[in-house]
């Protein structure tokens, strides 16, 4: 059996990891910004939900989760983890190991779901 790589997952995961920092853009442009909304778990749920709704592909939803958790595992600083419902800031550094483990598990799930989808399309 020849393994097929899901190019969409291969590209999506690092893109999500990088674009999670798009909330730095207003500050870089000199626009005051009180919060960093892309680092919120609420933003993550909305993002995964939208990907699932728009693409109907669970592997891409798991890929978004992988990229986000991977980003948080290397990020430093204080984040409003539950904005817009709470703007309390949290230092997520002590949870780094959980984010690494979650990212690995989500990537394994994304790979499994992509393989299952590719096999069903080929059948």
C-alpha atoms as a PDB file:
ATOM      1  CA  UNK A   1       0.000   0.000   0.000  1.00  0.00           C
ATOM      2  CA  UNK A   2       1.282   3.450  -0.899  1.00  0.00           C
ATOM      3  CA  UNK A   3       0.779   6.122   1.721  1.00  0.00           C
ATOM      4  CA  UNK A   4      -0.901   9.279   0.591  1.00  0.00           C
ATOM      5  CA  UNK A   5      -0.218  12.581   2.298  1.00  0.00           C
ATOM      6  CA  UNK A   6      -3.041  15.004   2.864  1.00  0.00           C
ATOM      7  CA  UNK A   7      -1.578  18.176   1.389  1.00  0.00           C
ATOM      8  CA  UNK A   8      -4.361  20.238   2.967  1.00  0.00           C
ATOM      9  CA  UNK A   9      -3.388  19.034   6.455  1.00  0.00           C
ATOM     10  CA  UNK A  10       0.303  19.343   5.654  1.00  0.00           C
ATOM     11  CA  UNK A  11      -0.231  23.040   4.871  1.00  0.00           C
ATOM     12  CA  UNK A  12      -3.048  23.832   7.307  1.00  0.00           C
ATOM     13  CA  UNK A  13      -1.313  22.926  10.565  1.00  0.00           C
ATOM     14  CA  UNK A  14       1.691  25.284  10.246  1.00  0.00           C
ATOM     15  CA  UNK A  15      -0.501  28.024   8.745  1.00  0.00           C
ATOM     16  CA  UNK A  16      -2.785  27.900  11.800  1.00  0.00           C
ATOM     17  CA  UNK A  17       0.230  27.921  14.105  1.00  0.00           C
ATOM     18  CA  UNK A  18       1.642  31.006  12.415  1.00  0.00           C
ATOM     19  CA  UNK A  19      -1.591  32.920  11.868  1.00  0.00           C
ATOM     20  CA  UNK A  20      -2.557  32.559  15.518  1.00  0.00           C
ATOM     21  CA  UNK A  21      -0.235  35.531  16.017  1.00  0.00           C
ATOM     22  CA  UNK A  22      -2.188  37.689  13.556  1.00  0.00           C
ATOM     23  CA  UNK A  23      -3.543  39.480  16.630  1.00  0.00           C
ATOM     24  CA  UNK A  24      -0.107  41.161  16.908  1.00  0.00           C
ATOM     25  CA  UNK A  25      -0.792  43.053  13.679  1.00  0.00           C
ATOM     26  CA  UNK A  26      -2.787  45.975  15.179  1.00  0.00           C
ATOM     27  CA  UNK A  27      -0.003  46.632  17.709  1.00  0.00           C
ATOM     28  CA  UNK A  28       2.620  46.470  14.966  1.00  0.00           C
ATOM     29  CA  UNK A  29       0.628  49.063  13.015  1.00  0.00           C
ATOM     30  CA  UNK A  30       0.403  51.349  16.048  1.00  0.00           C
ATOM     31  CA  UNK A  31      -3.245  50.605  16.743  1.00  0.00           C
ATOM     32  CA  UNK A  32      -3.955  50.153  20.463  1.00  0.00           C
ATOM     33  CA  UNK A  33      -5.222  46.687  21.280  1.00  0.00           C
ATOM     34  CA  UNK A  34      -6.307  45.679  24.759  1.00  0.00           C
ATOM     35  CA  UNK A  35      -6.644  41.945  24.136  1.00  0.00           C
ATOM     36  CA  UNK A  36      -5.232  39.169  21.967  1.00  0.00           C
ATOM     37  CA  UNK A  37      -8.392  37.392  20.805  1.00  0.00           C
ATOM     38  CA  UNK A  38      -6.718  34.748  18.629  1.00  0.00           C
ATOM     39  CA  UNK A  39      -5.178  33.204  21.748  1.00  0.00           C
ATOM     40  CA  UNK A  40      -8.595  32.488  23.245  1.00  0.00           C
ATOM     41  CA  UNK A  41     -10.089  29.026  23.623  1.00  0.00           C
ATOM     42  CA  UNK A  42     -13.384  30.597  22.534  1.00  0.00           C
ATOM     43  CA  UNK A  43     -11.681  31.642  19.282  1.00  0.00           C
ATOM     44  CA  UNK A  44     -10.417  28.065  18.922  1.00  0.00           C
ATOM     45  CA  UNK A  45     -13.915  26.603  19.333  1.00  0.00           C
ATOM     46  CA  UNK A  46     -15.366  29.063  16.825  1.00  0.00           C
ATOM     47  CA  UNK A  47     -12.530  28.362  14.361  1.00  0.00           C
ATOM     48  CA  UNK A  48     -12.869  24.584  14.573  1.00  0.00           C
ATOM     49  CA  UNK A  49     -16.647  24.888  14.358  1.00  0.00           C
ATOM     50  CA  UNK A  50     -16.466  27.065  11.251  1.00  0.00           C
ATOM     51  CA  UNK A  51     -13.984  24.737   9.557  1.00  0.00           C
ATOM     52  CA  UNK A  52     -16.222  21.752  10.275  1.00  0.00           C
ATOM     53  CA  UNK A  53     -19.325  23.597   9.114  1.00  0.00           C
ATOM     54  CA  UNK A  54     -17.806  25.002   5.929  1.00  0.00           C
ATOM     55  CA  UNK A  55     -15.708  22.038   4.812  1.00  0.00           C
ATOM     56  CA  UNK A  56     -17.500  19.082   6.400  1.00  0.00           C
ATOM     57  CA  UNK A  57     -14.043  17.597   6.976  1.00  0.00           C
ATOM     58  CA  UNK A  58     -13.260  16.432  10.494  1.00  0.00           C
ATOM     59  CA  UNK A  59      -9.581  15.996   9.596  1.00  0.00           C
ATOM     60  CA  UNK A  60      -9.280  19.736   8.931  1.00  0.00           C
ATOM     61  CA  UNK A  61     -11.020  20.540  12.228  1.00  0.00           C
ATOM     62  CA  UNK A  62      -8.493  18.347  14.030  1.00  0.00           C
ATOM     63  CA  UNK A  63      -5.744  20.068  12.030  1.00  0.00           C
ATOM     64  CA  UNK A  64      -6.864  23.484  13.284  1.00  0.00           C
ATOM     65  CA  UNK A  65      -6.796  22.111  16.835  1.00  0.00           C
ATOM     66  CA  UNK A  66      -3.292  20.721  16.236  1.00  0.00           C
ATOM     67  CA  UNK A  67      -1.922  24.037  14.972  1.00  0.00           C
ATOM     68  CA  UNK A  68      -3.519  26.064  17.767  1.00  0.00           C
ATOM     69  CA  UNK A  69      -2.348  23.806  20.594  1.00  0.00           C
ATOM     70  CA  UNK A  70       1.081  23.545  18.988  1.00  0.00           C
ATOM     71  CA  UNK A  71       1.287  27.324  18.889  1.00  0.00           C
ATOM     72  CA  UNK A  72       0.324  27.640  22.550  1.00  0.00           C
ATOM     73  CA  UNK A  73       2.915  25.033  23.497  1.00  0.00           C
ATOM     74  CA  UNK A  74       5.735  27.325  22.345  1.00  0.00           C
ATOM     75  CA  UNK A  75       4.153  30.695  23.081  1.00  0.00           C
ATOM     76  CA  UNK A  76       5.032  32.804  26.089  1.00  0.00           C
ATOM     77  CA  UNK A  77       3.217  35.568  27.863  1.00  0.00           C
ATOM     78  CA  UNK A  78      -0.165  36.331  29.299  1.00  0.00           C
ATOM     79  CA  UNK A  79      -3.338  35.624  27.362  1.00  0.00           C
ATOM     80  CA  UNK A  80      -7.074  36.266  27.833  1.00  0.00           C
ATOM     81  CA  UNK A  81      -7.792  32.548  27.459  1.00  0.00           C
ATOM     82  CA  UNK A  82     -11.579  32.956  27.647  1.00  0.00           C
ATOM     83  CA  UNK A  83     -12.187  36.245  25.829  1.00  0.00           C
ATOM     84  CA  UNK A  84     -14.683  37.672  24.970  1.00  0.00           C
ATOM     85  CA  UNK A  85     -16.423  36.184  28.017  1.00  0.00           C
ATOM     86  CA  UNK A  86     -13.602  37.002  30.424  1.00  0.00           C
ATOM     87  CA  UNK A  87     -10.648  39.285  29.886  1.00  0.00           C
ATOM     88  CA  UNK A  88      -8.666  37.896  32.807  1.00  0.00           C
ATOM     89  CA  UNK A  89      -5.114  37.154  31.721  1.00  0.00           C
ATOM     90  CA  UNK A  90      -3.456  33.794  32.315  1.00  0.00           C
ATOM     91  CA  UNK A  91       0.113  32.615  32.023  1.00  0.00           C
ATOM     92  CA  UNK A  92      -0.228  29.425  30.018  1.00  0.00           C
ATOM     93  CA  UNK A  93       3.416  28.386  30.446  1.00  0.00           C
ATOM     94  CA  UNK A  94       2.668  25.941  33.234  1.00  0.00           C
ATOM     95  CA  UNK A  95       0.284  24.098  30.880  1.00  0.00           C
ATOM     96  CA  UNK A  96       2.860  23.732  28.102  1.00  0.00           C
ATOM     97  CA  UNK A  97       3.121  19.941  28.489  1.00  0.00           C
ATOM     98  CA  UNK A  98      -0.644  19.582  28.167  1.00  0.00           C
ATOM     99  CA  UNK A  99      -0.611  21.662  24.986  1.00  0.00           C
ATOM    100  CA  UNK A 100       2.179  19.528  23.512  1.00  0.00           C
ATOM    101  CA  UNK A 101       0.311  16.326  24.365  1.00  0.00           C
ATOM    102  CA  UNK A 102      -2.958  17.742  23.035  1.00  0.00           C
ATOM    103  CA  UNK A 103      -1.299  18.846  19.816  1.00  0.00           C
ATOM    104  CA  UNK A 104       0.251  15.416  19.284  1.00  0.00           C
ATOM    105  CA  UNK A 105      -3.047  13.647  19.968  1.00  0.00           C
ATOM    106  CA  UNK A 106      -4.941  16.045  17.673  1.00  0.00           C
ATOM    107  CA  UNK A 107      -2.384  15.503  14.898  1.00  0.00           C
ATOM    108  CA  UNK A 108      -2.726  11.740  15.220  1.00  0.00           C
ATOM    109  CA  UNK A 109      -6.512  12.119  15.062  1.00  0.00           C
ATOM    110  CA  UNK A 110      -6.241  14.417  12.022  1.00  0.00           C
ATOM    111  CA  UNK A 111      -3.991  11.905  10.254  1.00  0.00           C
ATOM    112  CA  UNK A 112      -6.326   9.032  11.038  1.00  0.00           C
ATOM    113  CA  UNK A 113      -9.384  10.971   9.842  1.00  0.00           C
ATOM    114  CA  UNK A 114      -7.594  12.066   6.655  1.00  0.00           C
ATOM    115  CA  UNK A 115      -6.499   8.500   5.911  1.00  0.00           C
ATOM    116  CA  UNK A 116     -10.024   7.220   6.499  1.00  0.00           C
ATOM    117  CA  UNK A 117     -11.419   9.941   4.208  1.00  0.00           C
ATOM    118  CA  UNK A 118      -8.856   9.184   1.478  1.00  0.00           C
ATOM    119  CA  UNK A 119      -9.620   5.463   1.661  1.00  0.00           C
ATOM    120  CA  UNK A 120     -13.365   6.051   1.414  1.00  0.00           C
ATOM    121  CA  UNK A 121     -12.881   8.359  -1.588  1.00  0.00           C
ATOM    122  CA  UNK A 122     -10.742   5.742  -3.309  1.00  0.00           C
ATOM    123  CA  UNK A 123     -13.269   2.964  -2.748  1.00  0.00           C
END
